[in-house]
């Protein structure tokens, strides 16, 4: 009988070890982002102060002049205000990544023995945590102004899940912008040129029935409208858009999830490719 001696390859590591190290790297970067925010709390103003101001402003000022069929304006508006805040706050992802690239932080991270995609994944998880904080604040403020979901616990949780899934997908889109932009000003322009129009040309704050036909079509196919309508349906809140005859509004939950998955399918590989290009040239 002959025996066989197996010589391990130098540098080869088990897959489980590489996975644990990758998770550790992501965790370290998430912790770094959270600590950075804790030292500069005003960075979270767009998900803490802004939701409170927007809720009181729209419910008590604009809401008094906007009739909503099937319920109060507060019951109608909270889903839209949640999506408005989640959408506009994603601009912070683009600005933060651009700043990290321009200040040399990414270059310093590249010198460390870490998993390269951990930078983007850590950022996206941090953004998801911020979106969760925003959701809690909008929910609490909504309860104060009279908003009440009328569906069951599972449907209510599903509504929040749909909103957070969209926020997570949008953070990857913003990451692509941050990796593509050459300066912080360019990244900020993304919010004013894309995010704000996308938030307001929707059913988030007003019913779309009074819009011109061409603008109403744009609003109905807007992903913000789909997610907003999905939340209203799942929470049992007034959803006038559901009776307008358009396919995305009549199948809002399916459309909302499809939009989020489509954005992730495009933005994640694109962000990885842009990151490799920005860090190898």
Protein backbone atom coordinates (compact mmCIF):
# COMPACT_ATOMS: atom_id res chain seq x y z
CA UNK A 1 0.00 0.00 0.00
CA UNK A 2 1.30 3.37 -0.88
CA UNK A 3 0.54 6.50 1.04
CA UNK A 4 -0.08 9.87 -0.54
CA UNK A 5 1.18 13.06 0.98
CA UNK A 6 -0.98 16.11 0.26
CA UNK A 7 0.94 19.37 0.33
CA UNK A 8 -1.38 22.35 0.96
CA UNK A 9 -1.11 25.20 -1.48
CA UNK A 10 0.52 28.28 -0.03
CA UNK A 11 -1.97 31.08 0.29
CA UNK A 12 -5.01 28.86 -0.31
CA UNK A 13 -7.75 29.41 2.24
CA UNK A 14 -11.03 27.59 2.80
CA UNK A 15 -14.11 29.21 1.32
CA UNK A 16 -15.68 29.51 4.77
CA UNK A 17 -12.68 31.50 5.98
CA UNK A 18 -12.89 33.91 3.05
CA UNK A 19 -16.61 34.40 3.66
CA UNK A 20 -16.02 35.14 7.34
CA UNK A 21 -13.32 37.64 6.47
CA UNK A 22 -15.56 39.33 3.90
CA UNK A 23 -18.37 39.63 6.45
CA UNK A 24 -15.90 41.02 8.97
CA UNK A 25 -14.69 43.63 6.47
CA UNK A 26 -18.25 44.71 5.72
CA UNK A 27 -19.00 44.93 9.42
CA UNK A 28 -15.94 47.09 10.06
CA UNK A 29 -16.96 49.55 7.34
CA UNK A 30 -20.56 49.68 8.54
CA UNK A 31 -19.26 50.46 12.02
CA UNK A 32 -16.98 53.14 10.57
CA UNK A 33 -19.89 54.80 8.79
CA UNK A 34 -22.08 54.68 11.91
CA UNK A 35 -19.33 56.18 14.08
CA UNK A 36 -18.74 58.88 11.48
CA UNK A 37 -22.42 59.79 11.61
CA UNK A 38 -22.43 59.72 15.41
CA UNK A 39 -19.63 62.27 15.46
CA UNK A 40 -21.51 64.51 13.00
CA UNK A 41 -25.22 63.98 13.80
CA UNK A 42 -26.32 66.67 11.34
CA UNK A 43 -25.52 64.18 8.57
CA UNK A 44 -28.75 62.44 9.59
CA UNK A 45 -30.84 65.60 9.41
CA UNK A 46 -32.39 64.42 6.15
CA UNK A 47 -33.75 61.29 7.85
CA UNK A 48 -34.49 62.73 11.31
CA UNK A 49 -35.41 66.42 11.20
CA UNK A 50 -36.65 66.62 7.60
CA UNK A 51 -39.33 63.89 7.97
CA UNK A 52 -40.85 65.65 10.99
CA UNK A 53 -40.89 69.04 9.27
CA UNK A 54 -42.31 67.64 6.03
CA UNK A 55 -45.03 65.69 7.83
CA UNK A 56 -46.33 68.67 9.80
CA UNK A 57 -45.93 71.00 6.82
CA UNK A 58 -47.83 68.91 4.30
CA UNK A 59 -50.49 67.53 6.65
CA UNK A 60 -51.41 70.77 8.40
CA UNK A 61 -50.61 73.38 5.73
CA UNK A 62 -51.10 71.82 2.30
CA UNK A 63 -53.37 69.02 3.44
CA UNK A 64 -56.10 71.41 4.45
CA UNK A 65 -56.66 72.32 0.81
CA UNK A 66 -56.27 68.87 -0.81
CA UNK A 67 -59.39 66.67 -0.68
CA UNK A 68 -58.78 62.93 -0.72
CA UNK A 69 -61.48 60.47 -1.68
CA UNK A 70 -61.93 57.71 0.86
CA UNK A 71 -60.21 59.23 3.88
CA UNK A 72 -58.22 62.04 5.40
CA UNK A 73 -55.16 63.65 3.88
CA UNK A 74 -53.02 62.35 6.76
CA UNK A 75 -54.03 58.76 5.98
CA UNK A 76 -53.25 59.40 2.31
CA UNK A 77 -50.00 61.33 2.72
CA UNK A 78 -47.90 59.30 5.18
CA UNK A 79 -46.89 56.67 2.62
CA UNK A 80 -45.97 59.42 0.18
CA UNK A 81 -44.02 61.35 2.82
CA UNK A 82 -42.10 58.20 3.70
CA UNK A 83 -41.13 57.68 0.05
CA UNK A 84 -40.35 61.36 -0.40
CA UNK A 85 -37.88 61.30 2.49
CA UNK A 86 -36.35 57.94 1.55
CA UNK A 87 -35.85 59.06 -2.04
CA UNK A 88 -34.34 62.47 -1.37
CA UNK A 89 -32.09 61.20 1.44
CA UNK A 90 -30.36 58.78 -0.95
CA UNK A 91 -28.47 61.80 -2.29
CA UNK A 92 -26.27 61.44 0.80
CA UNK A 93 -24.92 58.18 -0.60
CA UNK A 94 -23.69 59.86 -3.77
CA UNK A 95 -22.19 62.78 -1.88
CA UNK A 96 -20.52 60.53 0.71
CA UNK A 97 -18.88 58.24 -1.83
CA UNK A 98 -17.64 61.17 -3.90
CA UNK A 99 -16.17 62.77 -0.79
CA UNK A 100 -14.45 59.51 0.24
CA UNK A 101 -12.90 59.21 -3.21
CA UNK A 102 -11.72 62.81 -3.35
CA UNK A 103 -10.28 62.86 0.17
CA UNK A 104 -8.22 59.73 -0.41
CA UNK A 105 -10.07 57.51 2.06
CA UNK A 106 -10.77 54.87 -0.58
CA UNK A 107 -7.09 54.82 -1.52
CA UNK A 108 -6.15 54.18 2.09
CA UNK A 109 -8.68 51.37 2.34
CA UNK A 110 -7.23 49.78 -0.80
CA UNK A 111 -3.86 49.41 0.92
CA UNK A 112 -5.44 47.16 3.54
CA UNK A 113 -5.90 43.39 3.10
CA UNK A 114 -9.66 43.63 2.77
CA UNK A 115 -12.37 42.45 0.39
CA UNK A 116 -12.74 45.27 -2.20
CA UNK A 117 -16.55 45.13 -2.57
CA UNK A 118 -16.86 45.62 1.20
CA UNK A 119 -16.61 49.39 0.67
CA UNK A 120 -19.81 49.54 -1.38
CA UNK A 121 -21.67 46.85 0.56
CA UNK A 122 -20.81 48.52 3.86
CA UNK A 123 -22.06 51.82 2.53
CA UNK A 124 -25.34 50.29 1.29
CA UNK A 125 -25.99 48.59 4.65
CA UNK A 126 -25.31 51.86 6.47
CA UNK A 127 -27.77 53.59 4.16
CA UNK A 128 -30.34 50.89 4.87
CA UNK A 129 -29.94 51.52 8.60
CA UNK A 130 -30.46 55.25 7.98
CA UNK A 131 -33.57 54.44 5.94
CA UNK A 132 -34.85 52.34 8.84
CA UNK A 133 -34.38 55.29 11.20
CA UNK A 134 -36.23 57.52 8.73
CA UNK A 135 -39.06 54.99 8.57
CA UNK A 136 -39.40 54.93 12.35
CA UNK A 137 -39.53 58.73 12.53
CA UNK A 138 -42.07 59.09 9.73
CA UNK A 139 -44.20 56.37 11.34
CA UNK A 140 -44.07 58.00 14.76
CA UNK A 141 -44.84 61.45 13.37
CA UNK A 142 -47.64 60.02 11.25
CA UNK A 143 -49.25 58.45 14.30
CA UNK A 144 -49.12 61.84 16.02
CA UNK A 145 -50.99 63.57 13.18
CA UNK A 146 -53.68 60.91 12.99
CA UNK A 147 -52.42 58.33 10.50
CA UNK A 148 -53.57 54.79 11.20
CA UNK A 149 -53.01 51.62 9.15
CA UNK A 150 -56.15 49.50 8.97
CA UNK A 151 -54.78 46.20 7.67
CA UNK A 152 -53.27 43.24 9.49
CA UNK A 153 -49.76 43.09 11.02
CA UNK A 154 -48.29 41.07 8.13
CA UNK A 155 -49.56 43.51 5.51
CA UNK A 156 -48.29 46.47 7.54
CA UNK A 157 -44.85 44.87 7.84
CA UNK A 158 -44.89 44.06 4.12
CA UNK A 159 -45.58 47.71 3.34
CA UNK A 160 -42.55 48.82 5.31
CA UNK A 161 -40.52 46.05 3.68
CA UNK A 162 -41.44 47.23 0.19
CA UNK A 163 -40.41 50.80 1.08
CA UNK A 164 -37.08 49.71 2.58
CA UNK A 165 -36.32 47.45 -0.38
CA UNK A 166 -36.79 50.42 -2.71
CA UNK A 167 -34.59 52.60 -0.48
CA UNK A 168 -31.87 49.91 -0.58
CA UNK A 169 -32.08 49.71 -4.38
CA UNK A 170 -31.97 53.48 -4.68
CA UNK A 171 -28.84 53.62 -2.51
CA UNK A 172 -27.04 51.51 -5.12
CA UNK A 173 -28.20 53.86 -7.87
CA UNK A 174 -26.86 56.77 -5.84
CA UNK A 175 -23.60 54.86 -5.34
CA UNK A 176 -23.21 54.70 -9.13
CA UNK A 177 -23.67 58.46 -9.29
CA UNK A 178 -21.16 59.01 -6.49
CA UNK A 179 -18.58 56.82 -8.22
CA UNK A 180 -19.16 58.52 -11.56
CA UNK A 181 -19.17 62.14 -10.33
CA UNK A 182 -15.87 63.98 -10.19
CA UNK A 183 -16.86 66.31 -7.37
CA UNK A 184 -19.31 66.73 -4.52
CA UNK A 185 -21.18 69.46 -6.42
CA UNK A 186 -21.82 67.08 -9.32
CA UNK A 187 -23.12 64.44 -6.92
CA UNK A 188 -25.45 66.96 -5.29
CA UNK A 189 -26.82 67.85 -8.71
CA UNK A 190 -28.15 64.30 -8.96
CA UNK A 191 -30.60 65.08 -6.18
CA UNK A 192 -31.95 68.25 -7.74
CA UNK A 193 -32.06 66.97 -11.32
CA UNK A 194 -33.36 63.43 -10.71
CA UNK A 195 -34.50 62.74 -7.16
CA UNK A 196 -36.62 65.80 -6.48
CA UNK A 197 -38.57 65.62 -9.78
CA UNK A 198 -39.01 61.87 -9.31
CA UNK A 199 -40.40 62.48 -5.81
CA UNK A 200 -42.83 65.23 -6.71
CA UNK A 201 -44.02 64.03 -10.14
CA UNK A 202 -45.78 61.14 -8.48
CA UNK A 203 -48.80 60.30 -6.36
CA UNK A 204 -46.78 60.78 -3.17
CA UNK A 205 -48.33 64.07 -2.06
CA UNK A 206 -51.34 64.66 -4.32
CA UNK A 207 -53.75 62.44 -6.24
CA UNK A 208 -52.79 62.28 -9.90
CA UNK A 209 -56.36 62.59 -11.19
CA UNK A 210 -56.04 66.32 -11.78
CA UNK A 211 -52.80 66.12 -13.76
CA UNK A 212 -52.66 66.48 -17.55
CA UNK A 213 -52.81 63.10 -19.29
CA UNK A 214 -49.16 63.10 -20.37
CA UNK A 215 -47.94 64.04 -16.91
CA UNK A 216 -50.27 61.56 -15.26
CA UNK A 217 -48.83 58.76 -17.40
CA UNK A 218 -45.32 59.68 -16.26
CA UNK A 219 -46.47 59.78 -12.65
CA UNK A 220 -48.21 56.40 -12.90
CA UNK A 221 -45.06 54.71 -14.22
CA UNK A 222 -42.81 56.49 -11.75
CA UNK A 223 -41.28 53.94 -9.32
CA UNK A 224 -41.97 56.31 -6.42
CA UNK A 225 -45.67 56.20 -7.32
CA UNK A 226 -45.63 52.41 -7.47
CA UNK A 227 -43.99 52.01 -4.06
CA UNK A 228 -46.22 54.67 -2.52
CA UNK A 229 -49.35 53.03 -3.90
CA UNK A 230 -48.12 49.62 -2.73
CA UNK A 231 -47.67 50.93 0.82
CA UNK A 232 -51.15 52.45 0.79
CA UNK A 233 -52.69 49.21 -0.42
CA UNK A 234 -50.85 47.10 2.15
CA UNK A 235 -51.66 49.53 4.97
CA UNK A 236 -55.31 49.90 4.00
CA UNK A 237 -54.99 53.64 3.40
CA UNK A 238 -56.75 55.71 0.69
CA UNK A 239 -55.22 55.02 -2.73
CA UNK A 240 -57.01 57.06 -5.42
CA UNK A 241 -54.41 56.04 -8.03
CA UNK A 242 -55.68 52.46 -7.89
CA UNK A 243 -58.86 53.44 -9.75
CA UNK A 244 -57.26 55.31 -12.64
CA UNK A 245 -57.06 52.25 -14.91
CA UNK A 246 -53.27 52.19 -15.40
CA UNK A 247 -51.56 48.82 -15.03
CA UNK A 248 -48.81 49.84 -12.56
CA UNK A 249 -51.34 51.45 -10.21
CA UNK A 250 -53.71 48.48 -10.36
CA UNK A 251 -50.80 46.10 -9.62
CA UNK A 252 -48.79 48.42 -7.41
CA UNK A 253 -47.21 45.80 -5.13
CA UNK A 254 -45.92 43.74 -8.05
CA UNK A 255 -44.74 46.88 -9.85
CA UNK A 256 -42.97 48.21 -6.75
CA UNK A 257 -41.05 45.00 -6.13
CA UNK A 258 -40.23 44.68 -9.83
CA UNK A 259 -38.85 48.24 -9.94
CA UNK A 260 -36.66 47.59 -6.89
CA UNK A 261 -35.28 44.30 -8.21
CA UNK A 262 -34.65 45.82 -11.64
CA UNK A 263 -32.74 48.74 -10.11
CA UNK A 264 -30.64 46.34 -8.04
CA UNK A 265 -29.94 44.11 -11.04
CA UNK A 266 -28.59 47.09 -12.99
CA UNK A 267 -27.04 49.24 -10.27
CA UNK A 268 -25.10 46.64 -8.26
CA UNK A 269 -22.89 45.34 -11.11
CA UNK A 270 -22.57 48.85 -12.53
CA UNK A 271 -21.44 50.21 -9.16
CA UNK A 272 -18.88 47.41 -8.85
CA UNK A 273 -17.55 48.16 -12.34
CA UNK A 274 -17.34 51.91 -11.65
CA UNK A 275 -15.58 51.23 -8.37
CA UNK A 276 -12.96 49.08 -10.09
CA UNK A 277 -12.44 51.76 -12.73
CA UNK A 278 -12.11 54.60 -10.21
CA UNK A 279 -9.69 52.66 -8.01
CA UNK A 280 -7.43 51.22 -10.72
CA UNK A 281 -6.77 54.36 -12.79
